[in-house]
């Protein structure tokens, strides 16, 4: 099942998505979460581990054990 994330700005970062989706509770945890889940986070089918990765409308983010998120304008 995909969860839609409504964007109020042109883009958000992967770190912001983790916080919005309640996967982490603070922005400081993003770095550690991304290290722990290295290779288990896909953005548009490509592995991603940069918390600053910009996510735009229609981007699809798959996070193992947490779900799939699609960005919507």
PDB file of N, CA and C in Angstrom:
ATOM      1  N   UNK A   1       0.836  -1.191   0.000  1.00  0.00           N
ATOM      2  CA  UNK A   1       0.000   0.000   0.000  1.00  0.00           C
ATOM      3  C   UNK A   1       0.876   1.248   0.000  1.00  0.00           C
ATOM      4  N   UNK A   2       0.484   2.219  -0.805  1.00  0.00           N
ATOM      5  CA  UNK A   2       1.231   3.468  -0.890  1.00  0.00           C
ATOM      6  C   UNK A   2       0.586   4.524  -0.002  1.00  0.00           C
ATOM      7  N   UNK A   3       1.417   5.269   0.686  1.00  0.00           N
ATOM      8  CA  UNK A   3       0.958   6.391   1.484  1.00  0.00           C
ATOM      9  C   UNK A   3       1.298   7.657   0.720  1.00  0.00           C
ATOM     10  N   UNK A   4       0.291   8.524   0.524  1.00  0.00           N
ATOM     11  CA  UNK A   4       0.532   9.774  -0.184  1.00  0.00           C
ATOM     12  C   UNK A   4       1.039  10.822   0.790  1.00  0.00           C
ATOM     13  N   UNK A   5       2.074  11.533   0.380  1.00  0.00           N
ATOM     14  CA  UNK A   5       2.622  12.637   1.151  1.00  0.00           C
ATOM     15  C   UNK A   5       2.374  13.907   0.346  1.00  0.00           C
ATOM     16  N   UNK A   6       1.530  14.795   0.869  1.00  0.00           N
ATOM     17  CA  UNK A   6       1.213  16.046   0.184  1.00  0.00           C
ATOM     18  C   UNK A   6       2.338  17.043   0.415  1.00  0.00           C
ATOM     19  N   UNK A   7       2.893  17.552  -0.664  1.00  0.00           N
ATOM     20  CA  UNK A   7       3.966  18.533  -0.575  1.00  0.00           C
ATOM     21  C   UNK A   7       3.379  19.945  -0.571  1.00  0.00           C
ATOM     22  N   UNK A   8       3.810  20.749   0.397  1.00  0.00           N
ATOM     23  CA  UNK A   8       3.375  22.140   0.468  1.00  0.00           C
ATOM     24  C   UNK A   8       4.433  23.057  -0.128  1.00  0.00           C
ATOM     25  N   UNK A   9       5.580  22.491  -0.451  1.00  0.00           N
ATOM     26  CA  UNK A   9       6.686  23.204  -1.076  1.00  0.00           C
ATOM     27  C   UNK A   9       7.044  22.444  -2.355  1.00  0.00           C
ATOM     28  N   UNK A  10       7.897  23.007  -3.217  1.00  0.00           N
ATOM     29  CA  UNK A  10       8.234  22.292  -4.459  1.00  0.00           C
ATOM     30  C   UNK A  10       8.869  20.922  -4.224  1.00  0.00           C
ATOM     31  N   UNK A  11       9.582  20.755  -3.091  1.00  0.00           N
ATOM     32  CA  UNK A  11      10.205  19.476  -2.776  1.00  0.00           C
ATOM     33  C   UNK A  11      10.428  19.372  -1.271  1.00  0.00           C
ATOM     34  N   UNK A  12      10.691  18.155  -0.802  1.00  0.00           N
ATOM     35  CA  UNK A  12      11.147  17.929   0.567  1.00  0.00           C
ATOM     36  C   UNK A  12      12.377  17.030   0.481  1.00  0.00           C
ATOM     37  N   UNK A  13      13.117  16.950   1.573  1.00  0.00           N
ATOM     38  CA  UNK A  13      14.281  16.080   1.577  1.00  0.00           C
ATOM     39  C   UNK A  13      13.897  14.715   2.141  1.00  0.00           C
ATOM     40  N   UNK A  14      14.737  13.740   1.898  1.00  0.00           N
ATOM     41  CA  UNK A  14      14.496  12.401   2.424  1.00  0.00           C
ATOM     42  C   UNK A  14      14.426  12.440   3.949  1.00  0.00           C
ATOM     43  N   UNK A  15      15.283  13.232   4.578  1.00  0.00           N
ATOM     44  CA  UNK A  15      15.250  13.371   6.034  1.00  0.00           C
ATOM     45  C   UNK A  15      13.918  13.922   6.522  1.00  0.00           C
ATOM     46  N   UNK A  16      13.359  14.894   5.801  1.00  0.00           N
ATOM     47  CA  UNK A  16      12.052  15.452   6.168  1.00  0.00           C
ATOM     48  C   UNK A  16      10.953  14.409   6.009  1.00  0.00           C
ATOM     49  N   UNK A  17      11.043  13.601   4.964  1.00  0.00           N
ATOM     50  CA  UNK A  17      10.048  12.546   4.762  1.00  0.00           C
ATOM     51  C   UNK A  17      10.046  11.574   5.940  1.00  0.00           C
ATOM     52  N   UNK A  18      11.226  11.190   6.395  1.00  0.00           N
ATOM     53  CA  UNK A  18      11.311  10.255   7.515  1.00  0.00           C
ATOM     54  C   UNK A  18      10.606  10.820   8.741  1.00  0.00           C
ATOM     55  N   UNK A  19      10.719  12.116   8.941  1.00  0.00           N
ATOM     56  CA  UNK A  19      10.074  12.759  10.083  1.00  0.00           C
ATOM     57  C   UNK A  19       8.559  12.864   9.870  1.00  0.00           C
ATOM     58  N   UNK A  20       8.143  13.282   8.678  1.00  0.00           N
ATOM     59  CA  UNK A  20       6.714  13.418   8.353  1.00  0.00           C
ATOM     60  C   UNK A  20       6.003  12.073   8.484  1.00  0.00           C
ATOM     61  N   UNK A  21       6.658  11.008   8.066  1.00  0.00           N
ATOM     62  CA  UNK A  21       6.061   9.667   8.090  1.00  0.00           C
ATOM     63  C   UNK A  21       6.157   9.011   9.474  1.00  0.00           C
ATOM     64  N   UNK A  22       6.661   9.745  10.468  1.00  0.00           N
ATOM     65  CA  UNK A  22       6.809   9.237  11.840  1.00  0.00           C
ATOM     66  C   UNK A  22       7.715   8.015  11.935  1.00  0.00           C
ATOM     67  N   UNK A  23       8.693   7.947  11.066  1.00  0.00           N
ATOM     68  CA  UNK A  23       9.673   6.867  11.131  1.00  0.00           C
ATOM     69  C   UNK A  23      10.755   7.235  12.139  1.00  0.00           C
ATOM     70  N   UNK A  24      11.097   8.526  12.170  1.00  0.00           N
ATOM     71  CA  UNK A  24      12.029   9.040  13.181  1.00  0.00           C
ATOM     72  C   UNK A  24      11.332  10.189  13.901  1.00  0.00           C
ATOM     73  N   UNK A  25      11.828  10.531  15.096  1.00  0.00           N
ATOM     74  CA  UNK A  25      11.172  11.596  15.851  1.00  0.00           C
ATOM     75  C   UNK A  25      11.882  12.936  15.753  1.00  0.00           C
ATOM     76  N   UNK A  26      13.148  12.936  15.335  1.00  0.00           N
ATOM     77  CA  UNK A  26      13.853  14.204  15.175  1.00  0.00           C
ATOM     78  C   UNK A  26      14.761  14.134  13.958  1.00  0.00           C
ATOM     79  N   UNK A  27      15.062  15.297  13.409  1.00  0.00           N
ATOM     80  CA  UNK A  27      15.906  15.350  12.225  1.00  0.00           C
ATOM     81  C   UNK A  27      17.298  14.785  12.456  1.00  0.00           C
ATOM     82  N   UNK A  28      17.788  14.889  13.690  1.00  0.00           N
ATOM     83  CA  UNK A  28      19.110  14.376  14.007  1.00  0.00           C
ATOM     84  C   UNK A  28      19.220  12.867  13.889  1.00  0.00           C
ATOM     85  N   UNK A  29      18.113  12.176  13.968  1.00  0.00           N
ATOM     86  CA  UNK A  29      18.111  10.712  13.866  1.00  0.00           C
ATOM     87  C   UNK A  29      18.215  10.235  12.420  1.00  0.00           C
ATOM     88  N   UNK A  30      18.001  11.122  11.463  1.00  0.00           N
ATOM     89  CA  UNK A  30      17.975  10.726  10.051  1.00  0.00           C
ATOM     90  C   UNK A  30      19.296  10.095   9.615  1.00  0.00           C
ATOM     91  N   UNK A  31      20.394  10.702   9.992  1.00  0.00           N
ATOM     92  CA  UNK A  31      21.705  10.189   9.587  1.00  0.00           C
ATOM     93  C   UNK A  31      21.901   8.754  10.059  1.00  0.00           C
ATOM     94  N   UNK A  32      21.576   8.486  11.316  1.00  0.00           N
ATOM     95  CA  UNK A  32      21.754   7.149  11.878  1.00  0.00           C
ATOM     96  C   UNK A  32      20.779   6.146  11.260  1.00  0.00           C
ATOM     97  N   UNK A  33      19.536   6.585  11.028  1.00  0.00           N
ATOM     98  CA  UNK A  33      18.548   5.716  10.403  1.00  0.00           C
ATOM     99  C   UNK A  33      19.011   5.318   9.003  1.00  0.00           C
ATOM    100  N   UNK A  34      19.507   6.282   8.240  1.00  0.00           N
ATOM    101  CA  UNK A  34      19.936   6.003   6.866  1.00  0.00           C
ATOM    102  C   UNK A  34      21.153   5.088   6.835  1.00  0.00           C
ATOM    103  N   UNK A  35      22.023   5.196   7.832  1.00  0.00           N
ATOM    104  CA  UNK A  35      23.173   4.282   7.908  1.00  0.00           C
ATOM    105  C   UNK A  35      22.697   2.864   8.213  1.00  0.00           C
ATOM    106  N   UNK A  36      21.759   2.757   9.145  1.00  0.00           N
ATOM    107  CA  UNK A  36      21.253   1.446   9.547  1.00  0.00           C
ATOM    108  C   UNK A  36      20.478   0.767   8.416  1.00  0.00           C
ATOM    109  N   UNK A  37      19.759   1.558   7.636  1.00  0.00           N
ATOM    110  CA  UNK A  37      18.937   1.018   6.557  1.00  0.00           C
ATOM    111  C   UNK A  37      19.596   1.153   5.189  1.00  0.00           C
ATOM    112  N   UNK A  38      20.905   1.258   5.151  1.00  0.00           N
ATOM    113  CA  UNK A  38      21.631   1.391   3.878  1.00  0.00           C
ATOM    114  C   UNK A  38      21.248   0.251   2.936  1.00  0.00           C
ATOM    115  N   UNK A  39      20.869   0.599   1.727  1.00  0.00           N
ATOM    116  CA  UNK A  39      20.476  -0.391   0.733  1.00  0.00           C
ATOM    117  C   UNK A  39      19.025  -0.828   0.836  1.00  0.00           C
ATOM    118  N   UNK A  40      18.320  -0.400   1.888  1.00  0.00           N
ATOM    119  CA  UNK A  40      16.921  -0.795   2.089  1.00  0.00           C
ATOM    120  C   UNK A  40      15.961   0.351   1.824  1.00  0.00           C
ATOM    121  N   UNK A  41      16.497   1.490   1.348  1.00  0.00           N
ATOM    122  CA  UNK A  41      15.667   2.637   1.000  1.00  0.00           C
ATOM    123  C   UNK A  41      15.859   2.897  -0.481  1.00  0.00           C
ATOM    124  N   UNK A  42      14.757   2.869  -1.219  1.00  0.00           N
ATOM    125  CA  UNK A  42      14.806   3.087  -2.665  1.00  0.00           C
ATOM    126  C   UNK A  42      14.008   4.335  -3.020  1.00  0.00           C
ATOM    127  N   UNK A  43      14.596   5.194  -3.832  1.00  0.00           N
ATOM    128  CA  UNK A  43      13.899   6.352  -4.371  1.00  0.00           C
ATOM    129  C   UNK A  43      13.805   6.133  -5.877  1.00  0.00           C
ATOM    130  N   UNK A  44      12.598   5.977  -6.354  1.00  0.00           N
ATOM    131  CA  UNK A  44      12.348   5.674  -7.772  1.00  0.00           C
ATOM    132  C   UNK A  44      13.146   4.452  -8.221  1.00  0.00           C
ATOM    133  N   UNK A  45      13.241   3.450  -7.344  1.00  0.00           N
ATOM    134  CA  UNK A  45      13.894   2.190  -7.676  1.00  0.00           C
ATOM    135  C   UNK A  45      15.400   2.173  -7.482  1.00  0.00           C
ATOM    136  N   UNK A  46      15.992   3.306  -7.084  1.00  0.00           N
ATOM    137  CA  UNK A  46      17.440   3.394  -6.905  1.00  0.00           C
ATOM    138  C   UNK A  46      17.778   3.502  -5.412  1.00  0.00           C
ATOM    139  N   UNK A  47      18.773   2.761  -4.938  1.00  0.00           N
ATOM    140  CA  UNK A  47      19.166   2.866  -3.519  1.00  0.00           C
ATOM    141  C   UNK A  47      19.593   4.294  -3.177  1.00  0.00           C
ATOM    142  N   UNK A  48      19.190   4.759  -2.009  1.00  0.00           N
ATOM    143  CA  UNK A  48      19.497   6.135  -1.603  1.00  0.00           C
ATOM    144  C   UNK A  48      19.829   6.170  -0.118  1.00  0.00           C
ATOM    145  N   UNK A  49      20.867   6.918   0.248  1.00  0.00           N
ATOM    146  CA  UNK A  49      21.215   7.029   1.660  1.00  0.00           C
ATOM    147  C   UNK A  49      21.576   8.460   2.060  1.00  0.00           C
ATOM    148  N   UNK A  50      21.257   9.431   1.196  1.00  0.00           N
ATOM    149  CA  UNK A  50      21.527  10.839   1.512  1.00  0.00           C
ATOM    150  C   UNK A  50      20.285  11.485   2.105  1.00  0.00           C
ATOM    151  N   UNK A  51      20.412  12.010   3.311  1.00  0.00           N
ATOM    152  CA  UNK A  51      19.244  12.622   3.953  1.00  0.00           C
ATOM    153  C   UNK A  51      18.818  13.897   3.241  1.00  0.00           C
ATOM    154  N   UNK A  52      19.714  14.509   2.474  1.00  0.00           N
ATOM    155  CA  UNK A  52      19.396  15.726   1.744  1.00  0.00           C
ATOM    156  C   UNK A  52      18.841  15.488   0.351  1.00  0.00           C
ATOM    157  N   UNK A  53      18.633  14.239  -0.032  1.00  0.00           N
ATOM    158  CA  UNK A  53      18.083  13.910  -1.353  1.00  0.00           C
ATOM    159  C   UNK A  53      16.732  14.584  -1.511  1.00  0.00           C
ATOM    160  N   UNK A  54      16.586  15.375  -2.573  1.00  0.00           N
ATOM    161  CA  UNK A  54      15.339  16.104  -2.798  1.00  0.00           C
ATOM    162  C   UNK A  54      14.299  15.181  -3.412  1.00  0.00           C
ATOM    163  N   UNK A  55      13.104  15.242  -2.861  1.00  0.00           N
ATOM    164  CA  UNK A  55      11.983  14.445  -3.351  1.00  0.00           C
ATOM    165  C   UNK A  55      10.942  15.385  -3.948  1.00  0.00           C
ATOM    166  N   UNK A  56      10.565  15.125  -5.184  1.00  0.00           N
ATOM    167  CA  UNK A  56       9.630  15.963  -5.915  1.00  0.00           C
ATOM    168  C   UNK A  56       8.312  15.214  -6.125  1.00  0.00           C
ATOM    169  N   UNK A  57       7.253  15.940  -6.563  1.00  0.00           N
ATOM    170  CA  UNK A  57       5.990  15.252  -6.845  1.00  0.00           C
ATOM    171  C   UNK A  57       6.190  14.053  -7.773  1.00  0.00           C
ATOM    172  N   UNK A  58       5.489  12.988  -7.491  1.00  0.00           N
ATOM    173  CA  UNK A  58       5.503  11.721  -8.229  1.00  0.00           C
ATOM    174  C   UNK A  58       6.718  10.852  -7.933  1.00  0.00           C
ATOM    175  N   UNK A  59       7.626  11.291  -7.049  1.00  0.00           N
ATOM    176  CA  UNK A  59       8.725  10.424  -6.622  1.00  0.00           C
ATOM    177  C   UNK A  59       8.160   9.328  -5.719  1.00  0.00           C
ATOM    178  N   UNK A  60       8.703   8.137  -5.854  1.00  0.00           N
ATOM    179  CA  UNK A  60       8.254   6.978  -5.079  1.00  0.00           C
ATOM    180  C   UNK A  60       9.394   6.537  -4.162  1.00  0.00           C
ATOM    181  N   UNK A  61       9.111   6.474  -2.874  1.00  0.00           N
ATOM    182  CA  UNK A  61      10.121   6.088  -1.890  1.00  0.00           C
ATOM    183  C   UNK A  61       9.665   4.803  -1.212  1.00  0.00           C
ATOM    184  N   UNK A  62      10.505   3.777  -1.283  1.00  0.00           N
ATOM    185  CA  UNK A  62      10.218   2.493  -0.640  1.00  0.00           C
ATOM    186  C   UNK A  62      11.203   2.304   0.505  1.00  0.00           C
ATOM    187  N   UNK A  63      10.661   2.097   1.708  1.00  0.00           N
ATOM    188  CA  UNK A  63      11.503   1.899   2.885  1.00  0.00           C
ATOM    189  C   UNK A  63      11.153   0.539   3.473  1.00  0.00           C
ATOM    190  N   UNK A  64      12.129  -0.364   3.463  1.00  0.00           N
ATOM    191  CA  UNK A  64      11.908  -1.722   3.966  1.00  0.00           C
ATOM    192  C   UNK A  64      11.375  -1.660   5.392  1.00  0.00           C
ATOM    193  N   UNK A  65      10.407  -2.475   5.704  1.00  0.00           N
ATOM    194  CA  UNK A  65       9.778  -2.595   7.025  1.00  0.00           C
ATOM    195  C   UNK A  65       8.848  -1.433   7.371  1.00  0.00           C
ATOM    196  N   UNK A  66       8.781  -0.390   6.543  1.00  0.00           N
ATOM    197  CA  UNK A  66       7.944   0.771   6.865  1.00  0.00           C
ATOM    198  C   UNK A  66       6.895   1.064   5.815  1.00  0.00           C
ATOM    199  N   UNK A  67       7.173   0.798   4.542  1.00  0.00           N
ATOM    200  CA  UNK A  67       6.164   1.025   3.523  1.00  0.00           C
ATOM    201  C   UNK A  67       6.657   1.808   2.332  1.00  0.00           C
ATOM    202  N   UNK A  68       5.696   2.197   1.510  1.00  0.00           N
ATOM    203  CA  UNK A  68       5.956   2.926   0.278  1.00  0.00           C
ATOM    204  C   UNK A  68       5.247   4.265   0.352  1.00  0.00           C
ATOM    205  N   UNK A  69       5.956   5.301  -0.049  1.00  0.00           N
ATOM    206  CA  UNK A  69       5.432   6.669   0.014  1.00  0.00           C
ATOM    207  C   UNK A  69       5.558   7.312  -1.349  1.00  0.00           C
ATOM    208  N   UNK A  70       4.485   7.987  -1.766  1.00  0.00           N
ATOM    209  CA  UNK A  70       4.507   8.699  -3.044  1.00  0.00           C
ATOM    210  C   UNK A  70       4.266  10.176  -2.765  1.00  0.00           C
ATOM    211  N   UNK A  71       5.100  11.010  -3.382  1.00  0.00           N
ATOM    212  CA  UNK A  71       4.999  12.449  -3.196  1.00  0.00           C
ATOM    213  C   UNK A  71       3.936  12.996  -4.139  1.00  0.00           C
ATOM    214  N   UNK A  72       3.063  13.844  -3.620  1.00  0.00           N
ATOM    215  CA  UNK A  72       2.007  14.477  -4.416  1.00  0.00           C
ATOM    216  C   UNK A  72       2.055  15.978  -4.227  1.00  0.00           C
ATOM    217  N   UNK A  73       1.778  16.704  -5.306  1.00  0.00           N
ATOM    218  CA  UNK A  73       1.793  18.171  -5.261  1.00  0.00           C
ATOM    219  C   UNK A  73       0.533  18.679  -4.573  1.00  0.00           C
TER     220      UNK A  73
END
